[in-house]
N, C-alpha and C. Protein backbone atom coordinates (compact mmCIF):
# COMPACT_ATOMS: atom_id res chain seq x y z
N UNK A 1 6.04 2.11 1.39
CA UNK A 1 5.40 2.75 2.17
C UNK A 1 5.31 4.35 2.18
N UNK A 2 4.74 4.76 2.94
CA UNK A 2 4.76 6.22 2.54
C UNK A 2 5.20 6.64 4.47
N UNK A 3 6.36 6.62 4.46
CA UNK A 3 6.95 6.94 6.03
C UNK A 3 6.98 8.31 6.43
N UNK A 4 6.50 9.11 5.03
CA UNK A 4 6.51 10.47 5.65
C UNK A 4 5.41 10.97 6.36
N UNK A 5 3.81 9.73 5.44
CA UNK A 5 2.50 10.40 5.79
C UNK A 5 2.23 10.47 7.52
N UNK A 6 1.44 11.17 7.82
CA UNK A 6 1.24 11.48 9.11
C UNK A 6 0.38 10.33 9.90
N UNK A 7 0.05 9.50 8.92
CA UNK A 7 -0.66 8.47 9.76
C UNK A 7 0.32 7.73 9.98
N UNK A 8 1.46 7.20 9.32
CA UNK A 8 2.36 6.18 9.41
C UNK A 8 3.01 6.72 10.80
N UNK A 9 3.28 7.52 11.26
CA UNK A 9 3.71 8.40 12.54
C UNK A 9 2.87 8.62 13.65
N UNK A 10 1.76 8.70 13.27
CA UNK A 10 0.49 8.25 14.22
C UNK A 10 0.46 6.98 15.03
N UNK A 11 0.64 5.93 13.82
CA UNK A 11 0.73 5.08 14.36
C UNK A 11 1.63 4.46 14.99
N UNK A 12 2.82 5.24 15.58
CA UNK A 12 4.06 4.82 15.59
C UNK A 12 5.19 3.61 15.21
N UNK A 13 4.70 4.03 13.87
CA UNK A 13 5.50 2.97 12.83
C UNK A 13 6.76 3.35 12.47
N UNK A 14 8.01 2.55 12.21
CA UNK A 14 9.39 3.00 11.36
C UNK A 14 9.49 2.01 10.52
N UNK A 15 10.26 2.44 9.76
CA UNK A 15 11.43 1.57 8.43
C UNK A 15 11.13 0.22 9.39
N UNK A 16 11.63 -0.17 10.71
CA UNK A 16 12.31 -0.91 11.51
C UNK A 16 10.96 -2.08 12.03
N UNK A 17 9.50 -1.47 11.59
CA UNK A 17 8.48 -2.13 12.36
C UNK A 17 8.69 -3.62 12.00
N UNK A 18 8.15 -4.58 12.14
CA UNK A 18 7.74 -5.75 11.88
C UNK A 18 6.79 -5.82 10.50
N UNK A 19 7.45 -6.68 9.63
CA UNK A 19 6.81 -6.51 8.23
C UNK A 19 5.16 -7.01 8.56
N UNK A 20 4.62 -8.04 9.49
CA UNK A 20 3.07 -8.31 9.82
C UNK A 20 2.64 -6.84 10.47
N UNK A 21 3.38 -6.14 11.01
CA UNK A 21 2.77 -4.85 11.70
C UNK A 21 2.52 -3.84 10.41
N UNK A 22 3.66 -3.65 9.39
CA UNK A 22 3.07 -3.00 8.22
C UNK A 22 2.39 -3.48 7.58
N UNK A 23 2.50 -4.55 7.16
CA UNK A 23 1.01 -5.31 6.41
C UNK A 23 -0.47 -5.18 6.96
N UNK A 24 -0.39 -5.19 8.31
CA UNK A 24 -1.54 -4.56 8.93
C UNK A 24 -1.84 -3.22 8.77
N UNK A 25 -1.35 -2.86 8.85
CA UNK A 25 -1.22 -1.15 8.89
C UNK A 25 -1.56 -0.84 7.35
N UNK A 26 -0.75 -1.22 6.60
CA UNK A 26 -1.55 -1.08 5.38
C UNK A 26 -2.88 -1.00 4.91
N UNK A 27 -3.27 -2.24 5.33
CA UNK A 27 -4.40 -3.04 5.34
C UNK A 27 -5.60 -2.20 5.75
N UNK A 28 -5.77 -1.58 7.10
CA UNK A 28 -6.42 -0.34 7.69
C UNK A 28 -6.19 0.83 6.98
N UNK A 29 -5.13 0.90 6.77
CA UNK A 29 -4.97 2.42 6.66
C UNK A 29 -4.43 2.63 4.56
N UNK A 30 -4.84 2.27 3.90
CA UNK A 30 -4.31 2.47 2.18
C UNK A 30 -3.36 3.60 2.06
N UNK A 31 -3.93 4.82 3.04
CA UNK A 31 -3.18 5.86 2.13
C UNK A 31 -1.85 6.20 2.64
N UNK A 32 -1.48 4.63 3.52
CA UNK A 32 -0.17 4.26 3.87
C UNK A 32 0.81 3.66 2.48
N UNK A 33 -0.12 2.92 1.21
CA UNK A 33 0.63 2.49 0.57
C UNK A 33 0.97 3.06 -0.48
N UNK A 34 2.15 2.99 -0.41
CA UNK A 34 3.28 4.17 -1.77
C UNK A 34 2.90 3.47 -3.22
N UNK A 35 2.78 2.49 -3.85
CA UNK A 35 2.00 2.29 -5.02
C UNK A 35 1.40 0.88 -4.79
N UNK A 36 -0.40 0.88 -4.64
CA UNK A 36 -1.31 0.01 -4.55
C UNK A 36 -0.79 -0.95 -6.27
N UNK A 37 -1.20 -2.20 -5.42
CA UNK A 37 -1.17 -3.47 -6.89
C UNK A 37 -2.40 -3.67 -6.82
N UNK A 38 -3.00 -4.15 -7.68
CA UNK A 38 -4.27 -4.45 -8.16
C UNK A 38 -3.86 -6.10 -8.56
N UNK A 39 -4.97 -7.21 -8.16
CA UNK A 39 -5.25 -7.84 -8.35
C UNK A 39 -6.03 -8.91 -9.00
N UNK A 40 -6.01 -9.87 -9.86
CA UNK A 40 -7.25 -10.46 -10.35
C UNK A 40 -6.98 -12.00 -10.18
N UNK A 41 -7.45 -12.53 -10.72
CA UNK A 41 -7.48 -14.15 -11.10
C UNK A 41 -6.04 -14.27 -12.12
N UNK A 42 -6.12 -13.24 -12.85
CA UNK A 42 -5.63 -13.39 -14.23
C UNK A 42 -4.56 -12.77 -14.09
N UNK A 43 -4.19 -11.93 -13.12
CA UNK A 43 -2.58 -11.26 -12.97
C UNK A 43 -2.67 -9.74 -12.07
N UNK A 44 -2.01 -9.52 -12.21
CA UNK A 44 -1.00 -8.06 -11.26
C UNK A 44 -0.56 -6.82 -11.90
N UNK A 45 -1.24 -5.87 -11.60
CA UNK A 45 -0.43 -4.52 -11.93
C UNK A 45 -0.30 -3.98 -10.93
N UNK A 46 0.83 -2.63 -11.20
CA UNK A 46 1.06 -1.52 -9.87
C UNK A 46 0.04 -0.59 -10.50
N UNK A 47 -0.54 -0.12 -9.75
CA UNK A 47 -1.77 0.76 -9.83
C UNK A 47 -0.92 2.09 -9.95
N UNK A 48 -0.27 2.71 -10.67
CA UNK A 48 0.71 3.94 -11.00
C UNK A 48 0.92 3.87 -12.49
N UNK A 49 0.41 4.73 -13.07
CA UNK A 49 -1.16 5.35 -12.89
C UNK A 49 -2.03 4.92 -12.80
N UNK A 50 -3.23 5.39 -12.18
CA UNK A 50 -4.84 4.63 -12.01
C UNK A 50 -4.81 3.89 -13.37
N UNK A 51 -4.51 3.89 -14.58
CA UNK A 51 -5.11 3.88 -15.73
C UNK A 51 -4.70 2.17 -15.98
N UNK A 52 -3.63 1.80 -15.33
CA UNK A 52 -3.15 0.51 -16.12
C UNK A 52 -3.88 -0.49 -14.89
N UNK A 53 -4.54 -0.42 -13.75
CA UNK A 53 -5.86 -0.72 -13.03
C UNK A 53 -6.80 -0.64 -14.02
N UNK A 54 -7.17 0.08 -14.76
CA UNK A 54 -8.23 -0.27 -15.72
C UNK A 54 -7.87 -1.42 -16.90
N UNK A 55 -6.82 -1.16 -17.04
CA UNK A 55 -6.40 -2.72 -18.31
C UNK A 55 -6.50 -4.21 -17.65
N UNK A 56 -6.10 -4.02 -16.07
CA UNK A 56 -6.32 -5.23 -15.65
C UNK A 56 -7.57 -5.78 -15.73
N UNK A 57 -8.44 -4.63 -15.26
CA UNK A 57 -10.35 -5.07 -14.78
C UNK A 57 -10.91 -5.05 -16.29
């Protein structure tokens, strides 16, 4: 996660927040995701750089 992101602070999150809370926050606020993950039925990749997602798709 990006704990330095303003949205992280606006939501009142901390590094000690419950995992379920952090996951829900990332689902609702993708800006909080440090390294996006692409998933398909055939595999998964970390989306940095973005070109790695194209290889998966």
